[in-house]
N, C-alpha and C. Protein backbone atom coordinates (compact mmCIF):
# COMPACT_ATOMS: atom_id res chain seq x y z
N LEU A 1 -117.32 -151.22 190.94
CA LEU A 1 -117.41 -150.06 191.98
C LEU A 1 -115.77 -150.56 191.14
N ASN A 2 -115.16 -149.10 191.17
CA ASN A 2 -113.29 -149.30 190.82
C ASN A 2 -112.81 -148.64 191.34
N ASP A 3 -112.37 -149.68 192.32
CA ASP A 3 -111.32 -149.26 193.76
C ASP A 3 -110.42 -148.28 193.73
N LEU A 4 -109.91 -149.46 192.18
CA LEU A 4 -108.84 -148.07 191.61
C LEU A 4 -108.98 -146.30 191.85
N HIS A 5 -110.22 -145.98 191.61
CA HIS A 5 -110.80 -144.75 191.55
C HIS A 5 -111.23 -144.29 192.09
N LEU A 6 -112.08 -145.25 193.09
CA LEU A 6 -113.25 -144.25 194.37
C LEU A 6 -113.29 -144.80 195.29
N LEU A 7 -113.07 -144.17 196.20
CA LEU A 7 -113.06 -145.14 197.46
C LEU A 7 -115.33 -145.12 198.20
N THR A 8 -115.49 -145.96 197.66
CA THR A 8 -116.85 -145.93 197.98
C THR A 8 -117.08 -146.63 199.55
N GLU A 9 -118.08 -145.98 199.99
CA GLU A 9 -118.30 -146.67 201.47
C GLU A 9 -120.11 -146.48 201.21
N VAL A 10 -120.70 -147.04 202.48
CA VAL A 10 -122.15 -147.46 202.93
C VAL A 10 -122.23 -147.01 204.00
N ILE A 11 -123.13 -145.84 204.15
CA ILE A 11 -122.86 -145.27 205.51
C ILE A 11 -123.91 -145.27 206.08
N ASP A 12 -124.23 -145.30 207.24
CA ASP A 12 -125.32 -144.79 208.24
C ASP A 12 -125.62 -143.22 208.39
N PRO A 13 -126.79 -143.41 208.16
CA PRO A 13 -127.01 -141.10 207.32
C PRO A 13 -126.80 -140.85 208.44
N GLU A 14 -127.78 -141.18 209.66
CA GLU A 14 -127.70 -140.37 210.96
C GLU A 14 -125.96 -140.33 210.68
N SER A 15 -125.81 -141.02 211.35
CA SER A 15 -124.69 -141.42 212.32
C SER A 15 -122.91 -141.10 212.01
N GLY A 16 -123.26 -141.19 210.25
CA GLY A 16 -121.80 -141.45 209.46
C GLY A 16 -121.33 -142.39 209.32
N GLN A 17 -121.70 -143.04 210.41
CA GLN A 17 -120.34 -144.71 210.35
C GLN A 17 -121.03 -146.00 209.30
N PRO A 18 -120.06 -146.10 208.79
CA PRO A 18 -120.20 -147.29 207.79
C PRO A 18 -121.44 -148.60 208.06
N ALA A 19 -121.68 -149.17 207.37
CA ALA A 19 -123.61 -149.76 207.90
C ALA A 19 -123.03 -150.37 206.28
N GLU A 20 -123.58 -151.50 206.61
CA GLU A 20 -123.70 -152.56 205.38
C GLU A 20 -125.11 -152.27 204.07
N GLU A 21 -126.49 -151.35 205.11
CA GLU A 21 -127.14 -150.49 204.36
C GLU A 21 -127.21 -149.29 204.29
N GLY A 22 -127.10 -148.95 203.63
CA GLY A 22 -127.03 -147.07 203.94
C GLY A 22 -127.51 -146.35 202.93
N GLU A 23 -127.01 -145.01 203.09
CA GLU A 23 -126.46 -143.81 202.06
C GLU A 23 -124.83 -144.24 201.68
N LEU A 24 -125.25 -143.83 200.17
CA LEU A 24 -124.40 -144.73 199.08
C LEU A 24 -123.08 -142.70 198.99
N VAL A 25 -121.79 -143.25 199.95
CA VAL A 25 -120.76 -142.18 199.67
C VAL A 25 -119.69 -141.63 198.73
N PHE A 26 -119.34 -140.81 198.17
CA PHE A 26 -117.99 -141.41 197.88
C PHE A 26 -115.92 -140.33 198.09
N THR A 27 -114.70 -141.19 197.35
CA THR A 27 -114.52 -140.05 197.54
C THR A 27 -113.42 -140.68 196.54
N THR A 28 -113.00 -139.44 195.31
CA THR A 28 -112.52 -139.95 194.74
C THR A 28 -111.05 -140.09 194.94
N LEU A 29 -109.98 -140.39 194.08
CA LEU A 29 -108.96 -141.31 194.55
C LEU A 29 -107.72 -140.26 192.99
N VAL A 30 -108.32 -140.08 192.20
CA VAL A 30 -107.13 -139.72 191.25
C VAL A 30 -107.73 -138.96 190.37
N ARG A 31 -109.13 -137.91 190.86
CA ARG A 31 -109.01 -136.79 190.30
C ARG A 31 -108.51 -135.56 190.67
N GLU A 32 -108.14 -134.68 190.19
CA GLU A 32 -106.83 -133.60 190.38
C GLU A 32 -108.16 -132.08 190.46
N ALA A 33 -108.65 -131.51 189.64
CA ALA A 33 -108.96 -130.21 189.34
C ALA A 33 -109.97 -129.89 190.30
N MET A 34 -111.04 -131.79 190.58
CA MET A 34 -111.97 -131.10 191.32
C MET A 34 -112.77 -132.62 192.35
N PRO A 35 -111.12 -132.51 193.28
CA PRO A 35 -111.98 -133.70 194.01
C PRO A 35 -113.05 -133.94 195.03
N LEU A 36 -113.58 -135.34 194.90
CA LEU A 36 -115.24 -135.39 196.19
C LEU A 36 -113.94 -136.01 197.25
N VAL A 37 -114.81 -135.32 198.72
CA VAL A 37 -114.36 -137.00 199.85
C VAL A 37 -115.18 -135.68 200.76
N ARG A 38 -115.50 -138.09 200.46
CA ARG A 38 -116.56 -137.73 201.79
C ARG A 38 -118.34 -137.45 200.66
N TYR A 39 -117.89 -137.74 199.48
CA TYR A 39 -119.48 -137.27 198.71
C TYR A 39 -120.45 -138.01 198.53
N ARG A 40 -121.34 -137.45 199.86
CA ARG A 40 -123.04 -137.85 199.66
C ARG A 40 -124.19 -137.70 198.63
N SER A 41 -124.14 -139.05 198.05
CA SER A 41 -124.91 -138.83 197.07
C SER A 41 -126.59 -139.19 197.50
N GLY A 42 -126.90 -138.90 198.73
CA GLY A 42 -128.46 -139.21 198.54
C GLY A 42 -129.08 -140.41 198.48
N ASP A 43 -128.07 -141.56 197.88
CA ASP A 43 -128.80 -142.77 196.64
C ASP A 43 -128.30 -144.02 198.68
N LEU A 44 -129.79 -144.93 197.68
CA LEU A 44 -129.67 -146.11 199.50
C LEU A 44 -129.33 -146.93 199.14
N ALA A 45 -128.63 -147.42 199.69
CA ALA A 45 -127.32 -148.91 198.86
C ALA A 45 -127.96 -149.62 199.93
N ARG A 46 -126.83 -151.32 200.10
CA ARG A 46 -126.43 -152.28 199.89
C ARG A 46 -125.33 -152.90 198.85
N TRP A 47 -123.58 -153.49 200.10
CA TRP A 47 -123.03 -154.45 199.99
C TRP A 47 -123.56 -155.69 199.78
N VAL A 48 -123.08 -156.13 198.23
CA VAL A 48 -123.47 -157.42 197.77
C VAL A 48 -122.75 -158.35 196.97
N GLU A 49 -122.85 -159.41 196.23
CA GLU A 49 -121.61 -159.46 196.09
C GLU A 49 -121.32 -159.28 194.96
N CYS A 50 -120.52 -159.24 193.91
CA CYS A 50 -120.23 -158.96 192.27
C CYS A 50 -120.61 -160.50 191.46
N PRO A 51 -121.43 -159.73 190.92
CA PRO A 51 -122.39 -160.86 190.15
C PRO A 51 -120.48 -161.27 189.01
N CYS A 52 -119.88 -160.90 188.74
CA CYS A 52 -118.22 -160.79 187.43
C CYS A 52 -117.59 -161.82 188.39
N TRP A 53 -116.50 -161.82 187.78
CA TRP A 53 -115.39 -162.56 188.12
C TRP A 53 -114.37 -161.53 188.41
N LEU A 54 -114.14 -160.22 188.22
CA LEU A 54 -113.62 -159.14 188.85
C LEU A 54 -113.25 -158.86 190.64
N PRO A 55 -112.73 -158.34 191.15
CA PRO A 55 -112.74 -159.03 192.31
C PRO A 55 -112.74 -157.71 193.12
N PHE A 56 -113.98 -156.58 192.66
CA PHE A 56 -114.31 -155.51 193.27
C PHE A 56 -116.13 -155.54 193.73
N PRO A 57 -116.00 -154.57 194.65
CA PRO A 57 -116.93 -154.65 195.75
C PRO A 57 -118.21 -154.22 194.42
N ALA A 58 -119.88 -154.15 194.88
CA ALA A 58 -120.54 -153.99 194.31
C ALA A 58 -121.58 -153.93 195.52
N VAL A 59 -122.53 -152.27 194.78
CA VAL A 59 -124.02 -152.32 195.78
C VAL A 59 -124.95 -151.65 194.93
N GLN A 60 -126.35 -152.34 196.04
CA GLN A 60 -126.88 -153.03 195.15
C GLN A 60 -128.07 -151.00 195.28
N LEU A 61 -128.66 -150.55 194.41
CA LEU A 61 -129.11 -149.48 195.23
C LEU A 61 -130.84 -149.54 195.28
N ARG A 62 -130.63 -148.91 196.57
CA ARG A 62 -132.91 -149.08 197.68
C ARG A 62 -133.39 -148.02 196.90
N GLY A 63 -133.39 -146.95 196.56
CA GLY A 63 -133.43 -145.94 196.59
C GLY A 63 -133.21 -144.41 196.67
N ARG A 64 -134.03 -143.65 196.99
CA ARG A 64 -133.05 -142.15 197.53
C ARG A 64 -132.86 -141.68 198.94
N LEU A 65 -132.75 -141.28 199.74
CA LEU A 65 -133.26 -140.48 201.49
C LEU A 65 -134.31 -139.68 201.10
N ASP A 66 -134.28 -139.07 200.07
CA ASP A 66 -135.22 -137.80 199.70
C ASP A 66 -136.90 -138.49 199.47
N ASP A 67 -136.98 -140.08 198.90
CA ASP A 67 -137.93 -139.86 199.29
C ASP A 67 -138.44 -141.53 200.47
N MET A 68 -137.37 -140.94 201.22
CA MET A 68 -138.30 -142.01 202.60
C MET A 68 -139.47 -140.75 203.44
N PHE A 69 -140.80 -141.35 203.77
CA PHE A 69 -141.71 -140.56 204.61
C PHE A 69 -141.78 -142.29 205.75
N VAL A 70 -142.37 -141.36 206.78
CA VAL A 70 -142.67 -142.10 208.17
C VAL A 70 -144.55 -141.96 207.61
N ALA A 71 -145.15 -143.67 207.79
CA ALA A 71 -146.36 -143.70 208.59
C ALA A 71 -146.38 -145.12 209.09
N GLY A 72 -147.37 -144.49 209.97
CA GLY A 72 -147.73 -145.22 210.83
C GLY A 72 -146.20 -145.86 211.78
N ASP A 73 -145.13 -145.47 212.34
CA ASP A 73 -144.21 -145.32 212.70
C ASP A 73 -143.29 -146.69 212.24
N LEU A 74 -143.52 -146.03 210.63
CA LEU A 74 -142.80 -146.92 209.55
C LEU A 74 -141.34 -145.60 208.94
N ASN A 75 -140.18 -146.23 208.25
CA ASN A 75 -139.98 -145.39 207.30
C ASN A 75 -140.09 -146.76 206.21
N LEU A 76 -140.83 -145.74 205.30
CA LEU A 76 -141.20 -146.04 203.86
C LEU A 76 -141.17 -145.68 202.63
N TYR A 77 -139.52 -146.73 201.37
CA TYR A 77 -138.70 -145.30 200.91
C TYR A 77 -140.20 -145.93 199.43
N ALA A 78 -140.16 -144.39 199.05
CA ALA A 78 -141.49 -144.93 197.37
C ALA A 78 -140.93 -145.59 196.78
N GLN A 79 -139.44 -145.81 196.54
CA GLN A 79 -138.62 -146.66 195.00
C GLN A 79 -138.84 -147.32 196.28
N VAL A 80 -138.79 -148.89 196.53
CA VAL A 80 -138.56 -149.44 197.91
C VAL A 80 -140.15 -150.02 197.63
N MET A 81 -141.69 -149.46 197.56
CA MET A 81 -142.46 -149.66 197.59
C MET A 81 -143.31 -149.67 196.00
N ALA A 82 -142.87 -148.95 195.26
CA ALA A 82 -142.15 -149.03 194.41
C ALA A 82 -142.64 -150.07 193.27
N ASP A 83 -141.24 -150.24 193.78
CA ASP A 83 -140.50 -151.69 192.81
C ASP A 83 -141.08 -153.04 193.29
N ALA A 84 -141.38 -153.36 194.46
CA ALA A 84 -142.19 -154.77 194.72
C ALA A 84 -143.46 -154.47 193.38
N VAL A 85 -144.55 -152.78 193.06
CA VAL A 85 -145.51 -152.77 192.73
C VAL A 85 -145.51 -153.58 191.38
N ASP A 86 -143.64 -152.72 191.09
CA ASP A 86 -144.11 -153.20 189.80
C ASP A 86 -144.25 -154.48 188.99
N GLY A 87 -144.08 -155.60 190.12
CA GLY A 87 -143.60 -156.94 189.87
C GLY A 87 -145.07 -157.38 190.02
N VAL A 88 -146.06 -157.08 189.91
CA VAL A 88 -148.13 -157.59 190.28
C VAL A 88 -147.52 -157.43 188.48
N PRO A 89 -148.36 -157.96 188.04
CA PRO A 89 -149.01 -158.11 186.56
C PRO A 89 -150.15 -156.85 186.04
N GLY A 90 -150.09 -156.44 184.96
CA GLY A 90 -150.79 -155.34 184.76
C GLY A 90 -150.54 -153.85 185.46
N THR A 91 -149.22 -154.27 186.43
CA THR A 91 -149.12 -152.05 186.45
C THR A 91 -148.03 -151.77 185.51
N SER A 92 -148.18 -149.82 185.09
CA SER A 92 -147.98 -149.56 184.32
C SER A 92 -146.24 -148.42 185.17
N GLY A 93 -146.07 -148.69 186.66
CA GLY A 93 -144.91 -148.02 186.79
C GLY A 93 -144.87 -147.07 186.99
N ARG A 94 -146.22 -146.77 187.40
CA ARG A 94 -146.75 -144.89 188.55
C ARG A 94 -146.99 -145.00 189.08
N MET A 95 -147.19 -144.57 190.36
CA MET A 95 -147.87 -144.52 191.43
C MET A 95 -147.58 -143.39 192.48
N ALA A 96 -149.12 -142.76 192.75
CA ALA A 96 -149.25 -141.53 194.31
C ALA A 96 -149.39 -142.04 195.11
N ILE A 97 -149.10 -141.98 196.46
CA ILE A 97 -148.79 -142.01 198.11
C ILE A 97 -149.70 -141.08 198.54
N GLU A 98 -149.78 -140.61 198.49
CA GLU A 98 -150.90 -139.78 199.36
C GLU A 98 -150.98 -139.84 201.45
N VAL A 99 -151.08 -139.64 201.66
CA VAL A 99 -150.29 -139.40 204.06
C VAL A 99 -151.63 -138.60 204.68
N GLU A 100 -152.48 -139.36 205.16
CA GLU A 100 -152.63 -138.49 206.16
C GLU A 100 -153.22 -137.89 207.40
N LYS A 101 -153.96 -137.92 208.44
CA LYS A 101 -153.82 -138.49 209.33
C LYS A 101 -154.64 -138.83 209.47
N VAL A 102 -156.28 -139.41 210.13
CA VAL A 102 -157.26 -139.91 210.45
C VAL A 102 -156.82 -140.40 211.95
N ASP A 103 -157.84 -138.84 212.81
CA ASP A 103 -158.44 -138.95 214.41
C ASP A 103 -156.79 -139.36 214.67
N LEU A 104 -155.86 -140.49 215.16
CA LEU A 104 -154.72 -140.60 215.40
C LEU A 104 -154.36 -141.20 214.89
N THR A 105 -154.47 -141.54 213.12
CA THR A 105 -154.31 -142.91 212.83
C THR A 105 -153.26 -142.51 211.84
N ASP A 106 -152.27 -142.79 211.19
CA ASP A 106 -151.98 -142.90 209.49
C ASP A 106 -152.91 -143.16 208.35
N ARG A 107 -153.48 -142.47 207.93
CA ARG A 107 -154.17 -142.73 206.68
C ARG A 107 -152.86 -143.11 205.02
N LEU A 108 -152.53 -144.65 204.84
CA LEU A 108 -152.17 -143.97 203.54
C LEU A 108 -152.47 -144.37 202.64
N GLN A 109 -152.48 -143.50 201.25
CA GLN A 109 -153.45 -144.74 199.75
C GLN A 109 -153.28 -144.60 199.09
N LEU A 110 -152.53 -145.23 198.01
CA LEU A 110 -151.81 -145.36 197.00
C LEU A 110 -152.99 -145.75 196.44
N ARG A 111 -152.55 -145.03 194.92
CA ARG A 111 -152.87 -145.38 193.39
C ARG A 111 -151.76 -145.61 192.06
N ILE A 112 -152.31 -146.76 191.66
CA ILE A 112 -151.57 -148.25 191.22
C ILE A 112 -151.95 -147.57 189.95
N GLY A 113 -150.62 -147.71 188.62
CA GLY A 113 -151.65 -147.37 187.69
C GLY A 113 -151.26 -148.37 186.73
N GLY A 114 -152.08 -148.33 186.05
CA GLY A 114 -152.86 -149.84 185.22
C GLY A 114 -153.92 -150.73 185.14
N ARG A 115 -153.22 -151.55 183.74
CA ARG A 115 -155.32 -152.03 183.66
C ARG A 115 -154.63 -153.79 184.15
N GLU A 116 -156.50 -153.61 184.53
CA GLU A 116 -157.08 -155.47 185.34
C GLU A 116 -154.92 -155.87 186.53
N VAL A 117 -155.52 -154.76 187.41
CA VAL A 117 -154.38 -155.12 188.42
C VAL A 117 -155.15 -155.39 189.71
N ASP A 118 -154.77 -156.72 190.04
CA ASP A 118 -155.12 -156.95 191.35
C ASP A 118 -154.71 -156.73 192.95
N PRO A 119 -155.82 -155.85 193.19
CA PRO A 119 -155.09 -155.08 195.07
C PRO A 119 -154.60 -155.98 195.64
N GLN A 120 -155.05 -157.33 196.17
CA GLN A 120 -154.93 -158.52 197.13
C GLN A 120 -153.32 -158.07 196.34
N GLU A 121 -153.14 -158.67 195.49
CA GLU A 121 -151.62 -159.34 194.60
C GLU A 121 -150.57 -157.50 194.85
N VAL A 122 -151.36 -156.67 194.58
CA VAL A 122 -150.59 -155.79 195.13
C VAL A 122 -150.61 -155.33 196.54
N ARG A 123 -151.24 -155.66 197.99
CA ARG A 123 -151.20 -155.43 199.01
C ARG A 123 -150.04 -156.71 199.42
N GLU A 124 -150.24 -157.90 198.81
CA GLU A 124 -149.34 -158.92 199.08
C GLU A 124 -148.06 -158.48 198.36
N ALA A 125 -147.79 -158.09 197.35
CA ALA A 125 -145.94 -157.54 197.18
C ALA A 125 -145.23 -156.07 198.25
N LEU A 126 -146.56 -155.82 198.98
CA LEU A 126 -146.14 -154.71 199.16
C LEU A 126 -145.35 -155.04 201.39
N PHE A 127 -146.76 -156.68 201.78
CA PHE A 127 -146.00 -156.85 202.52
C PHE A 127 -145.22 -156.93 202.43
N ASP A 128 -144.52 -158.33 201.16
CA ASP A 128 -143.19 -159.47 201.19
C ASP A 128 -142.75 -158.01 201.01
N ALA A 129 -142.35 -156.78 200.39
CA ALA A 129 -140.73 -156.21 200.45
C ALA A 129 -140.89 -155.32 202.62
N TYR A 130 -142.10 -155.12 202.74
CA TYR A 130 -142.06 -154.68 204.03
C TYR A 130 -142.86 -155.11 205.07
N PRO A 131 -142.05 -156.39 205.93
CA PRO A 131 -143.30 -157.45 206.67
C PRO A 131 -143.56 -156.70 208.25
N ALA A 132 -143.46 -155.61 208.40
CA ALA A 132 -143.65 -154.52 209.55
C ALA A 132 -144.99 -153.73 208.81
N PHE A 133 -145.04 -154.08 207.08
CA PHE A 133 -145.98 -153.33 207.28
C PHE A 133 -147.39 -153.86 207.02
N ARG A 134 -147.34 -155.18 207.04
CA ARG A 134 -148.76 -156.05 207.04
C ARG A 134 -149.07 -155.86 208.84
N GLN A 135 -147.54 -156.26 210.32
CA GLN A 135 -148.49 -155.84 210.82
C GLN A 135 -148.33 -154.59 211.28
N ALA A 136 -148.29 -153.22 211.05
CA ALA A 136 -148.79 -152.15 211.84
C ALA A 136 -150.25 -152.09 211.11
N VAL A 137 -151.11 -152.08 209.68
CA VAL A 137 -151.67 -152.62 208.99
C VAL A 137 -152.37 -154.01 209.63
N GLU A 138 -152.31 -154.42 210.16
CA GLU A 138 -153.18 -155.67 211.55
C GLU A 138 -153.42 -154.60 211.92
N ALA A 139 -152.41 -154.80 213.27
CA ALA A 139 -152.72 -153.91 214.46
C ALA A 139 -153.18 -152.73 214.40
N ARG A 140 -153.30 -152.16 213.13
CA ARG A 140 -154.66 -151.10 212.76
C ARG A 140 -154.07 -150.01 213.49
N ASN A 141 -152.11 -149.68 213.34
CA ASN A 141 -151.53 -149.03 213.45
C ASN A 141 -151.74 -147.48 211.88
N LEU A 142 -151.67 -148.65 210.58
CA LEU A 142 -152.18 -147.35 210.24
C LEU A 142 -152.87 -148.18 209.12
N GLN A 143 -153.82 -147.51 208.24
CA GLN A 143 -154.68 -148.11 207.28
C GLN A 143 -153.94 -147.79 206.13
N LEU A 144 -154.46 -148.82 205.16
CA LEU A 144 -153.97 -148.80 203.82
C LEU A 144 -155.42 -148.55 202.59
N GLU A 145 -155.42 -147.64 202.24
CA GLU A 145 -156.86 -147.88 200.89
C GLU A 145 -155.68 -147.68 199.90
N MET A 146 -156.16 -148.79 198.94
CA MET A 146 -155.59 -148.55 197.27
C MET A 146 -156.28 -148.34 196.00
N GLU A 147 -156.20 -147.62 195.26
CA GLU A 147 -156.88 -147.57 194.20
C GLU A 147 -156.13 -148.54 192.98
N THR A 148 -156.73 -149.02 192.37
CA THR A 148 -155.28 -149.91 191.25
C THR A 148 -156.43 -149.05 190.13
N GLY A 149 -155.63 -149.63 188.93
CA GLY A 149 -156.17 -149.34 187.40
C GLY A 149 -156.24 -147.69 187.24
N ALA A 150 -155.63 -146.77 188.28
CA ALA A 150 -155.44 -145.25 187.93
C ALA A 150 -154.89 -145.02 186.37
N ASP A 151 -155.11 -144.07 186.48
CA ASP A 151 -154.90 -143.12 185.47
C ASP A 151 -153.82 -142.04 186.16
N LEU A 152 -152.89 -142.59 185.66
CA LEU A 152 -151.63 -141.55 186.14
C LEU A 152 -150.67 -141.07 185.11
N SER A 153 -151.66 -141.13 184.03
CA SER A 153 -150.23 -140.34 182.85
C SER A 153 -149.92 -139.09 182.97
N ASP A 154 -150.78 -138.24 183.82
CA ASP A 154 -150.46 -137.00 184.10
C ASP A 154 -149.38 -137.17 184.71
N GLN A 155 -148.85 -137.40 185.54
CA GLN A 155 -147.06 -137.32 186.33
C GLN A 155 -146.70 -136.68 185.73
N ILE A 156 -145.79 -136.06 186.32
CA ILE A 156 -144.06 -135.61 185.94
C ILE A 156 -143.71 -136.58 186.35
N LYS A 157 -143.32 -137.02 187.60
CA LYS A 157 -142.27 -138.70 187.71
C LYS A 157 -143.17 -139.50 187.70
N ALA A 158 -142.50 -140.86 187.67
CA ALA A 158 -142.95 -141.86 188.59
C ALA A 158 -143.60 -142.36 190.31
N ILE A 159 -143.18 -141.98 190.74
CA ILE A 159 -143.69 -141.72 192.15
C ILE A 159 -143.55 -140.36 192.73
N GLN A 160 -145.50 -140.58 193.07
CA GLN A 160 -144.96 -139.46 193.37
C GLN A 160 -145.89 -139.45 195.19
N ILE A 161 -145.44 -138.73 196.10
CA ILE A 161 -146.07 -138.58 197.23
C ILE A 161 -146.67 -137.18 197.31
N ARG A 162 -147.73 -137.32 198.41
CA ARG A 162 -147.86 -135.93 199.44
C ARG A 162 -147.88 -136.38 200.32
N ASP A 163 -147.79 -135.49 201.69
CA ASP A 163 -148.10 -135.74 202.62
C ASP A 163 -149.22 -134.93 203.17
N ARG A 164 -150.66 -134.47 203.65
CA ARG A 164 -151.55 -133.55 203.96
C ARG A 164 -151.29 -133.59 205.05
N ARG A 165 -150.62 -134.56 206.34
CA ARG A 165 -150.17 -133.77 207.92
C ARG A 165 -149.73 -132.80 208.25
N GLU A 166 -150.63 -132.40 209.14
CA GLU A 166 -149.86 -131.09 209.66
C GLU A 166 -149.52 -131.64 210.90
């Protein structure tokens, strides 16, 4: 990020206050024709150390605000889940997420694209990305069902979310 041209902030999306992790916001400093003032990008990010020797701040993108859904009282981000699953051997980078209400419990059905994907490895990768996810499943506040090796090549987007709750 070039601090000579942009004032970059990471804010809490709900309060608008500065935060270590939240929504990425830009204000242009030298643009004249169409300046941006606190432009909310919709990207989720967090501050990180810059890997280079330059004295500029760096951010790590974590996903998009519009790919967040609530299931089992957890805020889950599809991109974070997809990044976790991508580390499992055999996955194709495509995932379909369906959320339903069964009795009083949310059920999360995941279809993971790829070949010879171990469902237990996918489960552990998701639990590593979201420790509270493991607790919700073990406490039966959230049901997790998974299909690995699915053919998801007909999906336009790599990650598809369907919320079927009323």
